[in-house]
Each structure stands twice: as C-alpha cells, then as structure tokens.
Amino acid sequence: MARGRESRLGRVLYSPGAMECVACKVSDQDVRLHKCPICFKWVCENCAIRSYGRAFCMRKCADQFFWGDDEDE
C-alpha cells in the first residue's frame, strides 16, 4: 500500500519500494544511484555513462545534454 504525506496542494503519494538501476536492476539499497539529468532515470555507477562531469543512463542522453534537441526552431 502506498504511503503519503499532506502538503499545501493535497496528498502526495509515494511508493515504499526501493529504486533500481534501469540497466542492471541493482537496488539503491545496495549501491549509490545517480539520476540522469535528461530523462531522470536512475543508473548505478557501473552502468552510468560519464560525460561532461555528469552521469547519464545512455550515450544518447549525454549527447542530447551537449548538443541539445534536433528540432529546428
């Protein structure tokens, strides 16, 4: 059952379960996880792509961080 807490905007629900690496499924209770600054997925130190001083979940996210979107404005 999800637990929650009260805030000014209403009830905030969260899962009591652990987070895990998107690549190898290791739990945050076993290793330190980093949040990808592009897609916000969790990734462990062993699976992370290190680039530009940050940890990304994929090379695609690292490239997007540096080069930006492909959309023409």
PDB file of N, CA and C in Angstrom:
ATOM      1  N   MET A   1       0.836  -1.178   0.000  1.00  0.00           N
ATOM      2  CA  MET A   1       0.000   0.000   0.000  1.00  0.00           C
ATOM      3  C   MET A   1       0.882   1.242   0.000  1.00  0.00           C
ATOM      4  N   ALA A   2       0.554   2.207  -0.818  1.00  0.00           N
ATOM      5  CA  ALA A   2       1.343   3.432  -0.906  1.00  0.00           C
ATOM      6  C   ALA A   2       1.090   4.308   0.305  1.00  0.00           C
ATOM      7  N   ARG A   3       2.138   4.893   0.808  1.00  0.00           N
ATOM      8  CA  ARG A   3       2.027   5.824   1.907  1.00  0.00           C
ATOM      9  C   ARG A   3       1.976   7.225   1.343  1.00  0.00           C
ATOM     10  N   GLY A   4       1.664   8.174   2.181  1.00  0.00           N
ATOM     11  CA  GLY A   4       1.610   9.541   1.697  1.00  0.00           C
ATOM     12  C   GLY A   4       1.818  10.529   2.825  1.00  0.00           C
ATOM     13  N   ARG A   5       1.929  11.791   2.443  1.00  0.00           N
ATOM     14  CA  ARG A   5       2.038  12.861   3.418  1.00  0.00           C
ATOM     15  C   ARG A   5       1.192  14.022   2.911  1.00  0.00           C
ATOM     16  N   GLU A   6       0.812  14.880   3.783  1.00  0.00           N
ATOM     17  CA  GLU A   6      -0.006  16.029   3.418  1.00  0.00           C
ATOM     18  C   GLU A   6       0.895  17.186   3.001  1.00  0.00           C
ATOM     19  N   SER A   7       0.467  17.927   2.012  1.00  0.00           N
ATOM     20  CA  SER A   7       1.143  19.146   1.599  1.00  0.00           C
ATOM     21  C   SER A   7       0.091  20.215   1.376  1.00  0.00           C
ATOM     22  N   ARG A   8       0.511  21.421   1.043  1.00  0.00           N
ATOM     23  CA  ARG A   8      -0.431  22.504   0.775  1.00  0.00           C
ATOM     24  C   ARG A   8      -1.339  22.166  -0.405  1.00  0.00           C
ATOM     25  N   LEU A   9      -0.827  21.371  -1.356  1.00  0.00           N
ATOM     26  CA  LEU A   9      -1.567  21.063  -2.574  1.00  0.00           C
ATOM     27  C   LEU A   9      -2.394  19.793  -2.476  1.00  0.00           C
ATOM     28  N   GLY A  10      -2.342  19.126  -1.332  1.00  0.00           N
ATOM     29  CA  GLY A  10      -3.104  17.892  -1.180  1.00  0.00           C
ATOM     30  C   GLY A  10      -2.201  16.737  -0.790  1.00  0.00           C
ATOM     31  N   ARG A  11      -2.716  15.545  -0.907  1.00  0.00           N
ATOM     32  CA  ARG A  11      -1.978  14.350  -0.513  1.00  0.00           C
ATOM     33  C   ARG A  11      -0.962  13.960  -1.576  1.00  0.00           C
ATOM     34  N   VAL A  12       0.269  13.686  -1.138  1.00  0.00           N
ATOM     35  CA  VAL A  12       1.343  13.270  -2.033  1.00  0.00           C
ATOM     36  C   VAL A  12       1.617  11.797  -1.770  1.00  0.00           C
ATOM     37  N   LEU A  13       1.481  10.966  -2.805  1.00  0.00           N
ATOM     38  CA  LEU A  13       1.701   9.532  -2.653  1.00  0.00           C
ATOM     39  C   LEU A  13       3.096   9.154  -3.119  1.00  0.00           C
ATOM     40  N   TYR A  14       3.675   8.176  -2.470  1.00  0.00           N
ATOM     41  CA  TYR A  14       4.949   7.632  -2.900  1.00  0.00           C
ATOM     42  C   TYR A  14       4.989   6.153  -2.578  1.00  0.00           C
ATOM     43  N   SER A  15       5.815   5.446  -3.298  1.00  0.00           N
ATOM     44  CA  SER A  15       5.938   4.008  -3.112  1.00  0.00           C
ATOM     45  C   SER A  15       7.009   3.717  -2.074  1.00  0.00           C
ATOM     46  N   PRO A  16       6.758   2.803  -1.138  1.00  0.00           N
ATOM     47  CA  PRO A  16       7.760   2.473  -0.138  1.00  0.00           C
ATOM     48  C   PRO A  16       8.881   1.590  -0.696  1.00  0.00           C
ATOM     49  N   GLY A  17       8.795   1.162  -1.973  1.00  0.00           N
ATOM     50  CA  GLY A  17       9.795   0.298  -2.570  1.00  0.00           C
ATOM     51  C   GLY A  17      11.091   1.027  -2.884  1.00  0.00           C
ATOM     52  N   ALA A  18      12.128   0.254  -3.147  1.00  0.00           N
ATOM     53  CA  ALA A  18      13.439   0.816  -3.458  1.00  0.00           C
ATOM     54  C   ALA A  18      13.536   1.172  -4.939  1.00  0.00           C
ATOM     55  N   MET A  19      14.396   2.120  -5.255  1.00  0.00           N
ATOM     56  CA  MET A  19      14.683   2.467  -6.645  1.00  0.00           C
ATOM     57  C   MET A  19      15.733   1.488  -7.156  1.00  0.00           C
ATOM     58  N   GLU A  20      15.820   1.354  -8.493  1.00  0.00           N
ATOM     59  CA  GLU A  20      16.815   0.444  -9.062  1.00  0.00           C
ATOM     60  C   GLU A  20      17.378   1.009 -10.355  1.00  0.00           C
ATOM     61  N   CYS A  21      18.559   0.544 -10.706  1.00  0.00           N
ATOM     62  CA  CYS A  21      19.243   0.943 -11.930  1.00  0.00           C
ATOM     63  C   CYS A  21      18.441   0.449 -13.137  1.00  0.00           C
ATOM     64  N   VAL A  22      18.262   1.328 -14.146  1.00  0.00           N
ATOM     65  CA  VAL A  22      17.496   0.936 -15.334  1.00  0.00           C
ATOM     66  C   VAL A  22      18.220  -0.114 -16.163  1.00  0.00           C
ATOM     67  N   ALA A  23      19.532  -0.198 -16.054  1.00  0.00           N
ATOM     68  CA  ALA A  23      20.300  -1.146 -16.866  1.00  0.00           C
ATOM     69  C   ALA A  23      20.457  -2.514 -16.205  1.00  0.00           C
ATOM     70  N   CYS A  24      20.955  -2.529 -14.966  1.00  0.00           N
ATOM     71  CA  CYS A  24      21.272  -3.820 -14.331  1.00  0.00           C
ATOM     72  C   CYS A  24      20.320  -4.206 -13.199  1.00  0.00           C
ATOM     73  N   LYS A  25      19.377  -3.323 -12.875  1.00  0.00           N
ATOM     74  CA  LYS A  25      18.336  -3.579 -11.867  1.00  0.00           C
ATOM     75  C   LYS A  25      18.864  -3.721 -10.445  1.00  0.00           C
ATOM     76  N   VAL A  26      20.059  -3.226 -10.149  1.00  0.00           N
ATOM     77  CA  VAL A  26      20.578  -3.263  -8.788  1.00  0.00           C
ATOM     78  C   VAL A  26      19.848  -2.194  -7.964  1.00  0.00           C
ATOM     79  N   SER A  27      19.571  -2.490  -6.703  1.00  0.00           N
ATOM     80  CA  SER A  27      18.777  -1.624  -5.838  1.00  0.00           C
ATOM     81  C   SER A  27      19.610  -0.474  -5.274  1.00  0.00           C
ATOM     82  N   ASP A  28      18.931   0.635  -4.964  1.00  0.00           N
ATOM     83  CA  ASP A  28      19.616   1.762  -4.329  1.00  0.00           C
ATOM     84  C   ASP A  28      20.021   1.431  -2.896  1.00  0.00           C
ATOM     85  N   GLN A  29      19.523   0.333  -2.360  1.00  0.00           N
ATOM     86  CA  GLN A  29      19.932  -0.100  -1.028  1.00  0.00           C
ATOM     87  C   GLN A  29      21.281  -0.809  -1.065  1.00  0.00           C
ATOM     88  N   ASP A  30      21.707  -1.226  -2.268  1.00  0.00           N
ATOM     89  CA  ASP A  30      22.985  -1.928  -2.417  1.00  0.00           C
ATOM     90  C   ASP A  30      24.098  -1.020  -2.929  1.00  0.00           C
ATOM     91  N   VAL A  31      23.776  -0.099  -3.824  1.00  0.00           N
ATOM     92  CA  VAL A  31      24.774   0.810  -4.407  1.00  0.00           C
ATOM     93  C   VAL A  31      24.176   2.212  -4.522  1.00  0.00           C
ATOM     94  N   ARG A  32      25.043   3.176  -4.754  1.00  0.00           N
ATOM     95  CA  ARG A  32      24.582   4.550  -4.959  1.00  0.00           C
ATOM     96  C   ARG A  32      24.088   4.706  -6.390  1.00  0.00           C
ATOM     97  N   LEU A  33      22.914   5.304  -6.536  1.00  0.00           N
ATOM     98  CA  LEU A  33      22.348   5.557  -7.857  1.00  0.00           C
ATOM     99  C   LEU A  33      22.406   7.043  -8.183  1.00  0.00           C
ATOM    100  N   HIS A  34      22.534   7.346  -9.478  1.00  0.00           N
ATOM    101  CA  HIS A  34      22.545   8.712  -9.980  1.00  0.00           C
ATOM    102  C   HIS A  34      21.322   8.893 -10.873  1.00  0.00           C
ATOM    103  N   LYS A  35      20.746  10.087 -10.855  1.00  0.00           N
ATOM    104  CA  LYS A  35      19.590  10.384 -11.711  1.00  0.00           C
ATOM    105  C   LYS A  35      20.090  11.055 -12.984  1.00  0.00           C
ATOM    106  N   CYS A  36      19.717  10.519 -14.126  1.00  0.00           N
ATOM    107  CA  CYS A  36      20.092  11.086 -15.415  1.00  0.00           C
ATOM    108  C   CYS A  36      19.472  12.487 -15.529  1.00  0.00           C
ATOM    109  N   PRO A  37      20.271  13.513 -15.846  1.00  0.00           N
ATOM    110  CA  PRO A  37      19.729  14.870 -15.919  1.00  0.00           C
ATOM    111  C   PRO A  37      18.837  15.118 -17.138  1.00  0.00           C
ATOM    112  N   ILE A  38      18.779  14.204 -18.082  1.00  0.00           N
ATOM    113  CA  ILE A  38      17.953  14.364 -19.272  1.00  0.00           C
ATOM    114  C   ILE A  38      16.606  13.657 -19.119  1.00  0.00           C
ATOM    115  N   CYS A  39      16.622  12.358 -18.824  1.00  0.00           N
ATOM    116  CA  CYS A  39      15.371  11.593 -18.756  1.00  0.00           C
ATOM    117  C   CYS A  39      14.952  11.233 -17.330  1.00  0.00           C
ATOM    118  N   PHE A  40      15.804  11.549 -16.357  1.00  0.00           N
ATOM    119  CA  PHE A  40      15.515  11.349 -14.933  1.00  0.00           C
ATOM    120  C   PHE A  40      15.406   9.882 -14.519  1.00  0.00           C
ATOM    121  N   LYS A  41      15.991   8.978 -15.291  1.00  0.00           N
ATOM    122  CA  LYS A  41      16.038   7.570 -14.898  1.00  0.00           C
ATOM    123  C   LYS A  41      17.222   7.375 -13.956  1.00  0.00           C
ATOM    124  N   TRP A  42      17.122   6.364 -13.094  1.00  0.00           N
ATOM    125  CA  TRP A  42      18.183   6.073 -12.140  1.00  0.00           C
ATOM    126  C   TRP A  42      19.182   5.096 -12.746  1.00  0.00           C
ATOM    127  N   VAL A  43      20.466   5.338 -12.516  1.00  0.00           N
ATOM    128  CA  VAL A  43      21.525   4.487 -13.056  1.00  0.00           C
ATOM    129  C   VAL A  43      22.635   4.350 -12.012  1.00  0.00           C
ATOM    130  N   CYS A  44      23.218   3.152 -11.916  1.00  0.00           N
ATOM    131  CA  CYS A  44      24.285   2.919 -10.941  1.00  0.00           C
ATOM    132  C   CYS A  44      25.633   3.388 -11.490  1.00  0.00           C
ATOM    133  N   GLU A  45      26.614   3.425 -10.634  1.00  0.00           N
ATOM    134  CA  GLU A  45      27.955   3.889 -11.004  1.00  0.00           C
ATOM    135  C   GLU A  45      28.576   3.020 -12.106  1.00  0.00           C
ATOM    136  N   ASN A  46      28.329   1.715 -12.062  1.00  0.00           N
ATOM    137  CA  ASN A  46      28.917   0.805 -13.056  1.00  0.00           C
ATOM    138  C   ASN A  46      28.284   0.942 -14.440  1.00  0.00           C
ATOM    139  N   CYS A  47      27.001   1.255 -14.497  1.00  0.00           N
ATOM    140  CA  CYS A  47      26.296   1.348 -15.777  1.00  0.00           C
ATOM    141  C   CYS A  47      26.272   2.769 -16.347  1.00  0.00           C
ATOM    142  N   ALA A  48      26.581   3.761 -15.532  1.00  0.00           N
ATOM    143  CA  ALA A  48      26.476   5.164 -15.951  1.00  0.00           C
ATOM    144  C   ALA A  48      27.469   5.491 -17.057  1.00  0.00           C
ATOM    145  N   ILE A  49      27.025   6.335 -17.973  1.00  0.00           N
ATOM    146  CA  ILE A  49      27.891   6.904 -18.997  1.00  0.00           C
ATOM    147  C   ILE A  49      28.356   8.240 -18.444  1.00  0.00           C
ATOM    148  N   ARG A  50      29.650   8.366 -18.167  1.00  0.00           N
ATOM    149  CA  ARG A  50      30.210   9.603 -17.603  1.00  0.00           C
ATOM    150  C   ARG A  50      30.620  10.520 -18.736  1.00  0.00           C
ATOM    151  N   SER A  51      30.050  11.734 -18.710  1.00  0.00           N
ATOM    152  CA  SER A  51      30.376  12.710 -19.731  1.00  0.00           C
ATOM    153  C   SER A  51      30.020  14.095 -19.219  1.00  0.00           C
ATOM    154  N   TYR A  52      30.848  15.090 -19.536  1.00  0.00           N
ATOM    155  CA  TYR A  52      30.596  16.476 -19.163  1.00  0.00           C
ATOM    156  C   TYR A  52      30.410  16.647 -17.653  1.00  0.00           C
ATOM    157  N   GLY A  53      31.093  15.816 -16.863  1.00  0.00           N
ATOM    158  CA  GLY A  53      31.032  15.924 -15.416  1.00  0.00           C
ATOM    159  C   GLY A  53      29.765  15.389 -14.790  1.00  0.00           C
ATOM    160  N   ARG A  54      28.979  14.637 -15.558  1.00  0.00           N
ATOM    161  CA  ARG A  54      27.718  14.098 -15.059  1.00  0.00           C
ATOM    162  C   ARG A  54      27.589  12.622 -15.401  1.00  0.00           C
ATOM    163  N   ALA A  55      26.607  11.968 -14.760  1.00  0.00           N
ATOM    164  CA  ALA A  55      26.319  10.557 -15.022  1.00  0.00           C
ATOM    165  C   ALA A  55      25.008  10.463 -15.799  1.00  0.00           C
ATOM    166  N   PHE A  56      25.039   9.819 -16.964  1.00  0.00           N
ATOM    167  CA  PHE A  56      23.862   9.648 -17.815  1.00  0.00           C
ATOM    168  C   PHE A  56      23.518   8.169 -17.912  1.00  0.00           C
ATOM    169  N   CYS A  57      22.263   7.866 -18.252  1.00  0.00           N
ATOM    170  CA  CYS A  57      21.845   6.469 -18.369  1.00  0.00           C
ATOM    171  C   CYS A  57      22.227   5.878 -19.722  1.00  0.00           C
ATOM    172  N   MET A  58      22.361   6.724 -20.768  1.00  0.00           N
ATOM    173  CA  MET A  58      22.701   6.258 -22.116  1.00  0.00           C
ATOM    174  C   MET A  58      23.565   7.302 -22.810  1.00  0.00           C
ATOM    175  N   ARG A  59      24.287   6.891 -23.819  1.00  0.00           N
ATOM    176  CA  ARG A  59      25.078   7.813 -24.627  1.00  0.00           C
ATOM    177  C   ARG A  59      24.163   8.845 -25.305  1.00  0.00           C
ATOM    178  N   LYS A  60      22.967   8.411 -25.690  1.00  0.00           N
ATOM    179  CA  LYS A  60      22.001   9.310 -26.331  1.00  0.00           C
ATOM    180  C   LYS A  60      21.676  10.498 -25.421  1.00  0.00           C
ATOM    181  N   CYS A  61      21.493  10.254 -24.125  1.00  0.00           N
ATOM    182  CA  CYS A  61      21.202  11.335 -23.181  1.00  0.00           C
ATOM    183  C   CYS A  61      22.413  12.253 -23.006  1.00  0.00           C
ATOM    184  N   ALA A  62      23.605  11.683 -22.973  1.00  0.00           N
ATOM    185  CA  ALA A  62      24.819  12.500 -22.856  1.00  0.00           C
ATOM    186  C   ALA A  62      24.980  13.405 -24.070  1.00  0.00           C
ATOM    187  N   ASP A  63      24.730  12.873 -25.259  1.00  0.00           N
ATOM    188  CA  ASP A  63      24.826  13.670 -26.479  1.00  0.00           C
ATOM    189  C   ASP A  63      23.758  14.765 -26.506  1.00  0.00           C
ATOM    190  N   GLN A  64      22.547  14.445 -26.062  1.00  0.00           N
ATOM    191  CA  GLN A  64      21.479  15.426 -26.049  1.00  0.00           C
ATOM    192  C   GLN A  64      21.795  16.547 -25.060  1.00  0.00           C
ATOM    193  N   PHE A  65      22.445  16.215 -23.952  1.00  0.00           N
ATOM    194  CA  PHE A  65      22.821  17.228 -22.969  1.00  0.00           C
ATOM    195  C   PHE A  65      23.755  18.264 -23.598  1.00  0.00           C
ATOM    196  N   PHE A  66      24.718  17.789 -24.408  1.00  0.00           N
ATOM    197  CA  PHE A  66      25.685  18.688 -25.005  1.00  0.00           C
ATOM    198  C   PHE A  66      25.149  19.357 -26.268  1.00  0.00           C
ATOM    199  N   TRP A  67      24.549  18.586 -27.157  1.00  0.00           N
ATOM    200  CA  TRP A  67      24.124  19.108 -28.442  1.00  0.00           C
ATOM    201  C   TRP A  67      22.719  19.668 -28.456  1.00  0.00           C
ATOM    202  N   GLY A  68      21.879  19.293 -27.481  1.00  0.00           N
ATOM    203  CA  GLY A  68      20.505  19.784 -27.426  1.00  0.00           C
ATOM    204  C   GLY A  68      19.596  18.983 -28.337  1.00  0.00           C
ATOM    205  N   ASP A  69      18.371  19.459 -28.496  1.00  0.00           N
ATOM    206  CA  ASP A  69      17.390  18.794 -29.346  1.00  0.00           C
ATOM    207  C   ASP A  69      17.727  18.976 -30.819  1.00  0.00           C
ATOM    208  N   ASP A  70      17.238  18.045 -31.656  1.00  0.00           N
ATOM    209  CA  ASP A  70      17.444  18.115 -33.086  1.00  0.00           C
ATOM    210  C   ASP A  70      16.399  18.985 -33.781  1.00  0.00           C
ATOM    211  N   GLU A  71      15.434  19.490 -33.023  1.00  0.00           N
ATOM    212  CA  GLU A  71      14.345  20.263 -33.608  1.00  0.00           C
ATOM    213  C   GLU A  71      14.849  21.605 -34.129  1.00  0.00           C
ATOM    214  N   ASP A  72      14.350  21.996 -35.298  1.00  0.00           N
ATOM    215  CA  ASP A  72      14.661  23.313 -35.860  1.00  0.00           C
ATOM    216  C   ASP A  72      13.682  24.326 -35.289  1.00  0.00           C
ATOM    217  N   GLU A  73      14.192  25.468 -34.934  1.00  0.00           N
ATOM    218  CA  GLU A  73      13.311  26.497 -34.371  1.00  0.00           C
ATOM    219  C   GLU A  73      13.034  27.578 -35.364  1.00  0.00           C
TER     220      GLU A  73
END
